[in-house]
Amino acid sequence: MTYVDFQILFDNGGGITVLSADFCHFYDRPDWAADDVRAVLGGADPADWDGNEPEFRREPHPEDDVMTAETAASILAGGHYPERGHAWNEFCEILARAGS
């Protein structure tokens, strides 16, 4: 599986920020974030997507849960994930279902 390298930041307020070298988007719905991450893992390049929000680009905060592209790919492929906050758990459940 090939994919764009990215990371996902889950803040402690339920927000999800997906960051790649050329794309940044803030989500307040785990289902939308999971759908977009699944598309990227499937080979889509988010650099061409509408909705690039560079004003949301940031470094991880110490309270963030951070997911790498490799972890997201593992979850999509049926891998297990640790339970964390609500947005993280919902995102992971949706991503895992999409892969099954």
PDB file of N, CA and C in Angstrom:
ATOM      1  N   MET A   1       0.857  -1.175   0.000  1.00  0.00           N
ATOM      2  CA  MET A   1       0.000   0.000   0.000  1.00  0.00           C
ATOM      3  C   MET A   1       0.901   1.235   0.000  1.00  0.00           C
ATOM      4  N   THR A   2       0.641   2.144  -0.888  1.00  0.00           N
ATOM      5  CA  THR A   2       1.379   3.408  -0.907  1.00  0.00           C
ATOM      6  C   THR A   2       0.450   4.523  -0.479  1.00  0.00           C
ATOM      7  N   TYR A   3       1.020   5.494   0.150  1.00  0.00           N
ATOM      8  CA  TYR A   3       0.209   6.606   0.611  1.00  0.00           C
ATOM      9  C   TYR A   3       1.088   7.808   0.887  1.00  0.00           C
ATOM     10  N   VAL A   4       0.442   8.954   0.935  1.00  0.00           N
ATOM     11  CA  VAL A   4       1.116  10.193   1.308  1.00  0.00           C
ATOM     12  C   VAL A   4       1.446  10.115   2.793  1.00  0.00           C
ATOM     13  N   ASP A   5       2.632  10.543   3.191  1.00  0.00           N
ATOM     14  CA  ASP A   5       2.991  10.559   4.599  1.00  0.00           C
ATOM     15  C   ASP A   5       2.218  11.681   5.286  1.00  0.00           C
ATOM     16  N   PHE A   6       1.605  11.389   6.407  1.00  0.00           N
ATOM     17  CA  PHE A   6       0.812  12.372   7.130  1.00  0.00           C
ATOM     18  C   PHE A   6       0.770  12.006   8.597  1.00  0.00           C
ATOM     19  N   GLN A   7       0.248  12.922   9.390  1.00  0.00           N
ATOM     20  CA  GLN A   7      -0.026  12.631  10.791  1.00  0.00           C
ATOM     21  C   GLN A   7      -1.385  13.219  11.128  1.00  0.00           C
ATOM     22  N   ILE A   8      -1.984  12.654  12.147  1.00  0.00           N
ATOM     23  CA  ILE A   8      -3.306  13.077  12.595  1.00  0.00           C
ATOM     24  C   ILE A   8      -3.182  13.483  14.052  1.00  0.00           C
ATOM     25  N   LEU A   9      -3.628  14.703  14.345  1.00  0.00           N
ATOM     26  CA  LEU A   9      -3.605  15.217  15.715  1.00  0.00           C
ATOM     27  C   LEU A   9      -5.025  15.205  16.264  1.00  0.00           C
ATOM     28  N   PHE A  10      -5.212  14.560  17.381  1.00  0.00           N
ATOM     29  CA  PHE A  10      -6.500  14.534  18.074  1.00  0.00           C
ATOM     30  C   PHE A  10      -6.354  15.415  19.305  1.00  0.00           C
ATOM     31  N   ASP A  11      -7.037  16.557  19.303  1.00  0.00           N
ATOM     32  CA  ASP A  11      -6.910  17.450  20.455  1.00  0.00           C
ATOM     33  C   ASP A  11      -7.858  17.019  21.563  1.00  0.00           C
ATOM     34  N   ASN A  12      -7.740  17.614  22.712  1.00  0.00           N
ATOM     35  CA  ASN A  12      -8.555  17.179  23.852  1.00  0.00           C
ATOM     36  C   ASN A  12      -9.961  17.781  23.839  1.00  0.00           C
ATOM     37  N   GLY A  13     -10.329  18.455  22.740  1.00  0.00           N
ATOM     38  CA  GLY A  13     -11.671  19.004  22.598  1.00  0.00           C
ATOM     39  C   GLY A  13     -12.491  18.313  21.527  1.00  0.00           C
ATOM     40  N   GLY A  14     -11.987  17.209  20.982  1.00  0.00           N
ATOM     41  CA  GLY A  14     -12.715  16.465  19.961  1.00  0.00           C
ATOM     42  C   GLY A  14     -12.327  16.829  18.537  1.00  0.00           C
ATOM     43  N   GLY A  15     -11.435  17.784  18.360  1.00  0.00           N
ATOM     44  CA  GLY A  15     -10.993  18.174  17.028  1.00  0.00           C
ATOM     45  C   GLY A  15      -9.927  17.245  16.492  1.00  0.00           C
ATOM     46  N   ILE A  16      -9.909  17.124  15.169  1.00  0.00           N
ATOM     47  CA  ILE A  16      -8.953  16.253  14.492  1.00  0.00           C
ATOM     48  C   ILE A  16      -8.307  17.070  13.379  1.00  0.00           C
ATOM     49  N   THR A  17      -6.983  17.126  13.370  1.00  0.00           N
ATOM     50  CA  THR A  17      -6.255  17.835  12.328  1.00  0.00           C
ATOM     51  C   THR A  17      -5.414  16.832  11.563  1.00  0.00           C
ATOM     52  N   VAL A  18      -5.636  16.767  10.240  1.00  0.00           N
ATOM     53  CA  VAL A  18      -4.855  15.892   9.374  1.00  0.00           C
ATOM     54  C   VAL A  18      -3.826  16.762   8.660  1.00  0.00           C
ATOM     55  N   LEU A  19      -2.553  16.385   8.798  1.00  0.00           N
ATOM     56  CA  LEU A  19      -1.444  17.169   8.251  1.00  0.00           C
ATOM     57  C   LEU A  19      -0.570  16.318   7.344  1.00  0.00           C
ATOM     58  N   SER A  20      -0.354  16.799   6.127  1.00  0.00           N
ATOM     59  CA  SER A  20       0.683  16.231   5.263  1.00  0.00           C
ATOM     60  C   SER A  20       1.573  17.393   4.844  1.00  0.00           C
ATOM     61  N   ALA A  21       2.561  17.127   4.046  1.00  0.00           N
ATOM     62  CA  ALA A  21       3.465  18.201   3.621  1.00  0.00           C
ATOM     63  C   ALA A  21       2.725  19.298   2.858  1.00  0.00           C
ATOM     64  N   ASP A  22       1.702  18.913   2.091  1.00  0.00           N
ATOM     65  CA  ASP A  22       1.004  19.866   1.223  1.00  0.00           C
ATOM     66  C   ASP A  22      -0.442  20.122   1.605  1.00  0.00           C
ATOM     67  N   PHE A  23      -0.901  19.543   2.706  1.00  0.00           N
ATOM     68  CA  PHE A  23      -2.324  19.634   3.036  1.00  0.00           C
ATOM     69  C   PHE A  23      -2.498  19.688   4.547  1.00  0.00           C
ATOM     70  N   CYS A  24      -3.458  20.486   4.974  1.00  0.00           N
ATOM     71  CA  CYS A  24      -3.852  20.558   6.376  1.00  0.00           C
ATOM     72  C   CYS A  24      -5.349  20.801   6.413  1.00  0.00           C
ATOM     73  N   HIS A  25      -6.059  20.013   7.196  1.00  0.00           N
ATOM     74  CA  HIS A  25      -7.502  20.227   7.341  1.00  0.00           C
ATOM     75  C   HIS A  25      -7.906  19.885   8.767  1.00  0.00           C
ATOM     76  N   PHE A  26      -8.761  20.736   9.334  1.00  0.00           N
ATOM     77  CA  PHE A  26      -9.302  20.522  10.669  1.00  0.00           C
ATOM     78  C   PHE A  26     -10.701  19.934  10.529  1.00  0.00           C
ATOM     79  N   TYR A  27     -10.959  18.856  11.252  1.00  0.00           N
ATOM     80  CA  TYR A  27     -12.258  18.179  11.235  1.00  0.00           C
ATOM     81  C   TYR A  27     -12.867  18.234  12.626  1.00  0.00           C
ATOM     82  N   ASP A  28     -14.167  18.391  12.667  1.00  0.00           N
ATOM     83  CA  ASP A  28     -14.866  18.256  13.944  1.00  0.00           C
ATOM     84  C   ASP A  28     -15.770  17.026  13.929  1.00  0.00           C
ATOM     85  N   ARG A  29     -15.633  16.228  12.865  1.00  0.00           N
ATOM     86  CA  ARG A  29     -16.398  14.974  12.752  1.00  0.00           C
ATOM     87  C   ARG A  29     -15.438  13.830  12.440  1.00  0.00           C
ATOM     88  N   PRO A  30     -15.316  12.872  13.344  1.00  0.00           N
ATOM     89  CA  PRO A  30     -14.423  11.742  13.114  1.00  0.00           C
ATOM     90  C   PRO A  30     -14.742  10.957  11.846  1.00  0.00           C
ATOM     91  N   ASP A  31     -16.027  10.873  11.467  1.00  0.00           N
ATOM     92  CA  ASP A  31     -16.380  10.122  10.267  1.00  0.00           C
ATOM     93  C   ASP A  31     -15.817  10.775   9.008  1.00  0.00           C
ATOM     94  N   TRP A  32     -15.850  12.092   8.930  1.00  0.00           N
ATOM     95  CA  TRP A  32     -15.290  12.782   7.760  1.00  0.00           C
ATOM     96  C   TRP A  32     -13.778  12.617   7.716  1.00  0.00           C
ATOM     97  N   ALA A  33     -13.139  12.737   8.864  1.00  0.00           N
ATOM     98  CA  ALA A  33     -11.689  12.568   8.913  1.00  0.00           C
ATOM     99  C   ALA A  33     -11.308  11.146   8.505  1.00  0.00           C
ATOM    100  N   ALA A  34     -12.027  10.155   9.001  1.00  0.00           N
ATOM    101  CA  ALA A  34     -11.731   8.759   8.663  1.00  0.00           C
ATOM    102  C   ALA A  34     -11.925   8.504   7.173  1.00  0.00           C
ATOM    103  N   ASP A  35     -12.970   9.065   6.581  1.00  0.00           N
ATOM    104  CA  ASP A  35     -13.194   8.892   5.139  1.00  0.00           C
ATOM    105  C   ASP A  35     -12.044   9.475   4.332  1.00  0.00           C
ATOM    106  N   ASP A  36     -11.583  10.673   4.714  1.00  0.00           N
ATOM    107  CA  ASP A  36     -10.483  11.297   3.981  1.00  0.00           C
ATOM    108  C   ASP A  36      -9.177  10.543   4.185  1.00  0.00           C
ATOM    109  N   VAL A  37      -8.915  10.085   5.387  1.00  0.00           N
ATOM    110  CA  VAL A  37      -7.695   9.314   5.648  1.00  0.00           C
ATOM    111  C   VAL A  37      -7.733   8.013   4.859  1.00  0.00           C
ATOM    112  N   ARG A  38      -8.873   7.363   4.808  1.00  0.00           N
ATOM    113  CA  ARG A  38      -9.009   6.139   4.012  1.00  0.00           C
ATOM    114  C   ARG A  38      -8.693   6.420   2.541  1.00  0.00           C
ATOM    115  N   ALA A  39      -9.170   7.552   2.021  1.00  0.00           N
ATOM    116  CA  ALA A  39      -8.879   7.916   0.630  1.00  0.00           C
ATOM    117  C   ALA A  39      -7.389   8.128   0.412  1.00  0.00           C
ATOM    118  N   VAL A  40      -6.739   8.800   1.351  1.00  0.00           N
ATOM    119  CA  VAL A  40      -5.291   9.026   1.232  1.00  0.00           C
ATOM    120  C   VAL A  40      -4.542   7.696   1.295  1.00  0.00           C
ATOM    121  N   LEU A  41      -4.953   6.822   2.205  1.00  0.00           N
ATOM    122  CA  LEU A  41      -4.312   5.520   2.300  1.00  0.00           C
ATOM    123  C   LEU A  41      -4.530   4.693   1.039  1.00  0.00           C
ATOM    124  N   GLY A  42      -5.600   4.987   0.320  1.00  0.00           N
ATOM    125  CA  GLY A  42      -5.885   4.301  -0.936  1.00  0.00           C
ATOM    126  C   GLY A  42      -5.165   4.896  -2.131  1.00  0.00           C
ATOM    127  N   GLY A  43      -4.395   5.955  -1.915  1.00  0.00           N
ATOM    128  CA  GLY A  43      -3.600   6.526  -2.990  1.00  0.00           C
ATOM    129  C   GLY A  43      -3.967   7.933  -3.400  1.00  0.00           C
ATOM    130  N   ALA A  44      -5.043   8.489  -2.840  1.00  0.00           N
ATOM    131  CA  ALA A  44      -5.423   9.867  -3.174  1.00  0.00           C
ATOM    132  C   ALA A  44      -4.378  10.843  -2.636  1.00  0.00           C
ATOM    133  N   ASP A  45      -4.118  11.881  -3.390  1.00  0.00           N
ATOM    134  CA  ASP A  45      -3.168  12.911  -2.955  1.00  0.00           C
ATOM    135  C   ASP A  45      -3.963  14.126  -2.490  1.00  0.00           C
ATOM    136  N   PRO A  46      -3.960  14.425  -1.205  1.00  0.00           N
ATOM    137  CA  PRO A  46      -4.774  15.531  -0.697  1.00  0.00           C
ATOM    138  C   PRO A  46      -4.284  16.907  -1.140  1.00  0.00           C
ATOM    139  N   ALA A  47      -3.116  17.008  -1.742  1.00  0.00           N
ATOM    140  CA  ALA A  47      -2.605  18.304  -2.188  1.00  0.00           C
ATOM    141  C   ALA A  47      -3.548  18.950  -3.199  1.00  0.00           C
ATOM    142  N   ASP A  48      -4.328  18.139  -3.909  1.00  0.00           N
ATOM    143  CA  ASP A  48      -5.247  18.665  -4.917  1.00  0.00           C
ATOM    144  C   ASP A  48      -6.665  18.886  -4.387  1.00  0.00           C
ATOM    145  N   TRP A  49      -6.907  18.613  -3.126  1.00  0.00           N
ATOM    146  CA  TRP A  49      -8.256  18.709  -2.584  1.00  0.00           C
ATOM    147  C   TRP A  49      -8.621  20.146  -2.229  1.00  0.00           C
ATOM    148  N   ASP A  50      -9.906  20.456  -2.363  1.00  0.00           N
ATOM    149  CA  ASP A  50     -10.422  21.700  -1.794  1.00  0.00           C
ATOM    150  C   ASP A  50     -10.406  21.523  -0.280  1.00  0.00           C
ATOM    151  N   GLY A  51     -10.364  22.615   0.433  1.00  0.00           N
ATOM    152  CA  GLY A  51     -10.409  22.523   1.890  1.00  0.00           C
ATOM    153  C   GLY A  51      -9.054  22.562   2.559  1.00  0.00           C
ATOM    154  N   ASN A  52      -8.003  22.839   1.801  1.00  0.00           N
ATOM    155  CA  ASN A  52      -6.705  22.977   2.431  1.00  0.00           C
ATOM    156  C   ASN A  52      -6.755  24.209   3.335  1.00  0.00           C
ATOM    157  N   GLU A  53      -6.452  24.024   4.599  1.00  0.00           N
ATOM    158  CA  GLU A  53      -6.554  25.095   5.594  1.00  0.00           C
ATOM    159  C   GLU A  53      -5.205  25.290   6.286  1.00  0.00           C
ATOM    160  N   PRO A  54      -4.263  25.938   5.611  1.00  0.00           N
ATOM    161  CA  PRO A  54      -2.931  26.089   6.213  1.00  0.00           C
ATOM    162  C   PRO A  54      -2.944  26.858   7.525  1.00  0.00           C
ATOM    163  N   GLU A  55      -3.983  27.634   7.777  1.00  0.00           N
ATOM    164  CA  GLU A  55      -4.048  28.369   9.037  1.00  0.00           C
ATOM    165  C   GLU A  55      -4.214  27.444  10.242  1.00  0.00           C
ATOM    166  N   PHE A  56      -4.591  26.192  10.012  1.00  0.00           N
ATOM    167  CA  PHE A  56      -4.723  25.215  11.099  1.00  0.00           C
ATOM    168  C   PHE A  56      -3.455  24.392  11.297  1.00  0.00           C
ATOM    169  N   ARG A  57      -2.439  24.596  10.455  1.00  0.00           N
ATOM    170  CA  ARG A  57      -1.180  23.852  10.592  1.00  0.00           C
ATOM    171  C   ARG A  57      -0.532  24.217  11.928  1.00  0.00           C
ATOM    172  N   ARG A  58      -0.118  23.194  12.665  1.00  0.00           N
ATOM    173  CA  ARG A  58       0.499  23.420  13.968  1.00  0.00           C
ATOM    174  C   ARG A  58       1.334  22.224  14.345  1.00  0.00           C
ATOM    175  N   GLU A  59       2.137  22.418  15.341  1.00  0.00           N
ATOM    176  CA  GLU A  59       2.911  21.326  15.924  1.00  0.00           C
ATOM    177  C   GLU A  59       2.016  20.601  16.938  1.00  0.00           C
ATOM    178  N   PRO A  60       2.282  19.339  17.190  1.00  0.00           N
ATOM    179  CA  PRO A  60       1.506  18.628  18.210  1.00  0.00           C
ATOM    180  C   PRO A  60       1.649  19.293  19.575  1.00  0.00           C
ATOM    181  N   HIS A  61       0.569  19.350  20.296  1.00  0.00           N
ATOM    182  CA  HIS A  61       0.526  19.844  21.665  1.00  0.00           C
ATOM    183  C   HIS A  61       0.765  18.638  22.586  1.00  0.00           C
ATOM    184  N   PRO A  62       1.367  18.856  23.744  1.00  0.00           N
ATOM    185  CA  PRO A  62       1.622  17.717  24.643  1.00  0.00           C
ATOM    186  C   PRO A  62       0.368  16.918  25.008  1.00  0.00           C
ATOM    187  N   GLU A  63      -0.805  17.535  24.969  1.00  0.00           N
ATOM    188  CA  GLU A  63      -2.029  16.817  25.311  1.00  0.00           C
ATOM    189  C   GLU A  63      -2.683  16.131  24.116  1.00  0.00           C
ATOM    190  N   ASP A  64      -2.161  16.349  22.910  1.00  0.00           N
ATOM    191  CA  ASP A  64      -2.707  15.706  21.714  1.00  0.00           C
ATOM    192  C   ASP A  64      -2.399  14.215  21.715  1.00  0.00           C
ATOM    193  N   ASP A  65      -3.300  13.443  21.143  1.00  0.00           N
ATOM    194  CA  ASP A  65      -2.993  12.076  20.748  1.00  0.00           C
ATOM    195  C   ASP A  65      -2.576  12.180  19.285  1.00  0.00           C
ATOM    196  N   VAL A  66      -1.420  11.633  18.943  1.00  0.00           N
ATOM    197  CA  VAL A  66      -0.873  11.744  17.595  1.00  0.00           C
ATOM    198  C   VAL A  66      -0.856  10.368  16.945  1.00  0.00           C
ATOM    199  N   MET A  67      -1.416  10.291  15.737  1.00  0.00           N
ATOM    200  CA  MET A  67      -1.426   9.054  14.971  1.00  0.00           C
ATOM    201  C   MET A  67      -0.605   9.270  13.705  1.00  0.00           C
ATOM    202  N   THR A  68       0.241   8.309  13.383  1.00  0.00           N
ATOM    203  CA  THR A  68       1.031   8.374  12.161  1.00  0.00           C
ATOM    204  C   THR A  68       0.281   7.700  11.014  1.00  0.00           C
ATOM    205  N   ALA A  69       0.767   7.921   9.815  1.00  0.00           N
ATOM    206  CA  ALA A  69       0.195   7.262   8.639  1.00  0.00           C
ATOM    207  C   ALA A  69       0.311   5.748   8.766  1.00  0.00           C
ATOM    208  N   GLU A  70       1.417   5.275   9.312  1.00  0.00           N
ATOM    209  CA  GLU A  70       1.627   3.838   9.471  1.00  0.00           C
ATOM    210  C   GLU A  70       0.600   3.222  10.413  1.00  0.00           C
ATOM    211  N   THR A  71       0.300   3.932  11.499  1.00  0.00           N
ATOM    212  CA  THR A  71      -0.713   3.433  12.440  1.00  0.00           C
ATOM    213  C   THR A  71      -2.083   3.416  11.788  1.00  0.00           C
ATOM    214  N   ALA A  72      -2.432   4.468  11.061  1.00  0.00           N
ATOM    215  CA  ALA A  72      -3.728   4.513  10.368  1.00  0.00           C
ATOM    216  C   ALA A  72      -3.828   3.377   9.352  1.00  0.00           C
ATOM    217  N   ALA A  73      -2.749   3.107   8.619  1.00  0.00           N
ATOM    218  CA  ALA A  73      -2.751   2.012   7.645  1.00  0.00           C
ATOM    219  C   ALA A  73      -2.949   0.674   8.336  1.00  0.00           C
ATOM    220  N   SER A  74      -2.334   0.500   9.492  1.00  0.00           N
ATOM    221  CA  SER A  74      -2.477  -0.734  10.255  1.00  0.00           C
ATOM    222  C   SER A  74      -3.919  -0.924  10.725  1.00  0.00           C
ATOM    223  N   ILE A  75      -4.549   0.140  11.180  1.00  0.00           N
ATOM    224  CA  ILE A  75      -5.948   0.061  11.625  1.00  0.00           C
ATOM    225  C   ILE A  75      -6.844  -0.292  10.458  1.00  0.00           C
ATOM    226  N   LEU A  76      -6.623   0.340   9.302  1.00  0.00           N
ATOM    227  CA  LEU A  76      -7.416   0.053   8.109  1.00  0.00           C
ATOM    228  C   LEU A  76      -7.257  -1.407   7.692  1.00  0.00           C
ATOM    229  N   ALA A  77      -6.069  -1.955   7.896  1.00  0.00           N
ATOM    230  CA  ALA A  77      -5.795  -3.347   7.526  1.00  0.00           C
ATOM    231  C   ALA A  77      -6.272  -4.337   8.582  1.00  0.00           C
ATOM    232  N   GLY A  78      -6.931  -3.844   9.617  1.00  0.00           N
ATOM    233  CA  GLY A  78      -7.479  -4.737  10.635  1.00  0.00           C
ATOM    234  C   GLY A  78      -6.687  -4.793  11.921  1.00  0.00           C
ATOM    235  N   GLY A  79      -5.683  -3.934  12.045  1.00  0.00           N
ATOM    236  CA  GLY A  79      -4.875  -3.914  13.254  1.00  0.00           C
ATOM    237  C   GLY A  79      -5.620  -3.353  14.443  1.00  0.00           C
ATOM    238  N   HIS A  80      -5.158  -3.688  15.604  1.00  0.00           N
ATOM    239  CA  HIS A  80      -5.762  -3.194  16.835  1.00  0.00           C
ATOM    240  C   HIS A  80      -5.223  -1.812  17.163  1.00  0.00           C
ATOM    241  N   TYR A  81      -5.942  -1.104  17.978  1.00  0.00           N
ATOM    242  CA  TYR A  81      -5.541   0.248  18.375  1.00  0.00           C
ATOM    243  C   TYR A  81      -5.876   0.455  19.840  1.00  0.00           C
ATOM    244  N   PRO A  82      -5.081   1.258  20.520  1.00  0.00           N
ATOM    245  CA  PRO A  82      -5.391   1.542  21.928  1.00  0.00           C
ATOM    246  C   PRO A  82      -6.564   2.514  22.000  1.00  0.00           C
ATOM    247  N   GLU A  83      -7.379   2.340  22.999  1.00  0.00           N
ATOM    248  CA  GLU A  83      -8.486   3.275  23.195  1.00  0.00           C
ATOM    249  C   GLU A  83      -7.952   4.539  23.840  1.00  0.00           C
ATOM    250  N   ARG A  84      -8.455   5.656  23.355  1.00  0.00           N
ATOM    251  CA  ARG A  84      -8.059   6.955  23.880  1.00  0.00           C
ATOM    252  C   ARG A  84      -9.321   7.771  24.068  1.00  0.00           C
ATOM    253  N   GLY A  85      -9.313   9.016  23.600  1.00  0.00           N
ATOM    254  CA  GLY A  85     -10.481   9.881  23.730  1.00  0.00           C
ATOM    255  C   GLY A  85     -11.586   9.525  22.750  1.00  0.00           C
ATOM    256  N   HIS A  86     -12.728  10.175  22.903  1.00  0.00           N
ATOM    257  CA  HIS A  86     -13.918   9.868  22.096  1.00  0.00           C
ATOM    258  C   HIS A  86     -13.651  10.009  20.600  1.00  0.00           C
ATOM    259  N   ALA A  87     -13.089  11.130  20.163  1.00  0.00           N
ATOM    260  CA  ALA A  87     -12.850  11.344  18.726  1.00  0.00           C
ATOM    261  C   ALA A  87     -11.889  10.289  18.176  1.00  0.00           C
ATOM    262  N   TRP A  88     -10.822   9.996  18.914  1.00  0.00           N
ATOM    263  CA  TRP A  88      -9.865   8.962  18.503  1.00  0.00           C
ATOM    264  C   TRP A  88     -10.570   7.621  18.330  1.00  0.00           C
ATOM    265  N   ASN A  89     -11.333   7.213  19.340  1.00  0.00           N
ATOM    266  CA  ASN A  89     -11.995   5.913  19.302  1.00  0.00           C
ATOM    267  C   ASN A  89     -12.986   5.819  18.149  1.00  0.00           C
ATOM    268  N   GLU A  90     -13.789   6.860  17.959  1.00  0.00           N
ATOM    269  CA  GLU A  90     -14.768   6.845  16.867  1.00  0.00           C
ATOM    270  C   GLU A  90     -14.059   6.803  15.515  1.00  0.00           C
ATOM    271  N   PHE A  91     -13.011   7.603  15.360  1.00  0.00           N
ATOM    272  CA  PHE A  91     -12.226   7.609  14.123  1.00  0.00           C
ATOM    273  C   PHE A  91     -11.687   6.200  13.833  1.00  0.00           C
ATOM    274  N   CYS A  92     -11.080   5.582  14.828  1.00  0.00           N
ATOM    275  CA  CYS A  92     -10.489   4.255  14.656  1.00  0.00           C
ATOM    276  C   CYS A  92     -11.549   3.201  14.320  1.00  0.00           C
ATOM    277  N   GLU A  93     -12.688   3.258  14.971  1.00  0.00           N
ATOM    278  CA  GLU A  93     -13.772   2.307  14.685  1.00  0.00           C
ATOM    279  C   GLU A  93     -14.238   2.425  13.249  1.00  0.00           C
ATOM    280  N   ILE A  94     -14.411   3.649  12.764  1.00  0.00           N
ATOM    281  CA  ILE A  94     -14.860   3.886  11.391  1.00  0.00           C
ATOM    282  C   ILE A  94     -13.798   3.408  10.402  1.00  0.00           C
ATOM    283  N   LEU A  95     -12.538   3.744  10.677  1.00  0.00           N
ATOM    284  CA  LEU A  95     -11.448   3.334   9.784  1.00  0.00           C
ATOM    285  C   LEU A  95     -11.336   1.808   9.747  1.00  0.00           C
ATOM    286  N   ALA A  96     -11.459   1.162  10.890  1.00  0.00           N
ATOM    287  CA  ALA A  96     -11.368  -0.297  10.940  1.00  0.00           C
ATOM    288  C   ALA A  96     -12.514  -0.952  10.165  1.00  0.00           C
ATOM    289  N   ARG A  97     -13.726  -0.418  10.291  1.00  0.00           N
ATOM    290  CA  ARG A  97     -14.868  -0.950   9.545  1.00  0.00           C
ATOM    291  C   ARG A  97     -14.684  -0.788   8.043  1.00  0.00           C
ATOM    292  N   ALA A  98     -14.078   0.332   7.636  1.00  0.00           N
ATOM    293  CA  ALA A  98     -13.869   0.588   6.202  1.00  0.00           C
ATOM    294  C   ALA A  98     -12.913  -0.432   5.592  1.00  0.00           C
ATOM    295  N   GLY A  99     -12.026  -0.962   6.398  1.00  0.00           N
ATOM    296  CA  GLY A  99     -11.054  -1.921   5.906  1.00  0.00           C
ATOM    297  C   GLY A  99     -11.557  -3.360   5.905  1.00  0.00           C
ATOM    298  N   SER A 100     -12.667  -3.592   6.566  1.00  0.00           N
ATOM    299  CA  SER A 100     -13.146  -4.979   6.641  1.00  0.00           C
ATOM    300  C   SER A 100     -14.114  -5.326   5.530  1.00  0.00           C
TER     301      SER A 100
END
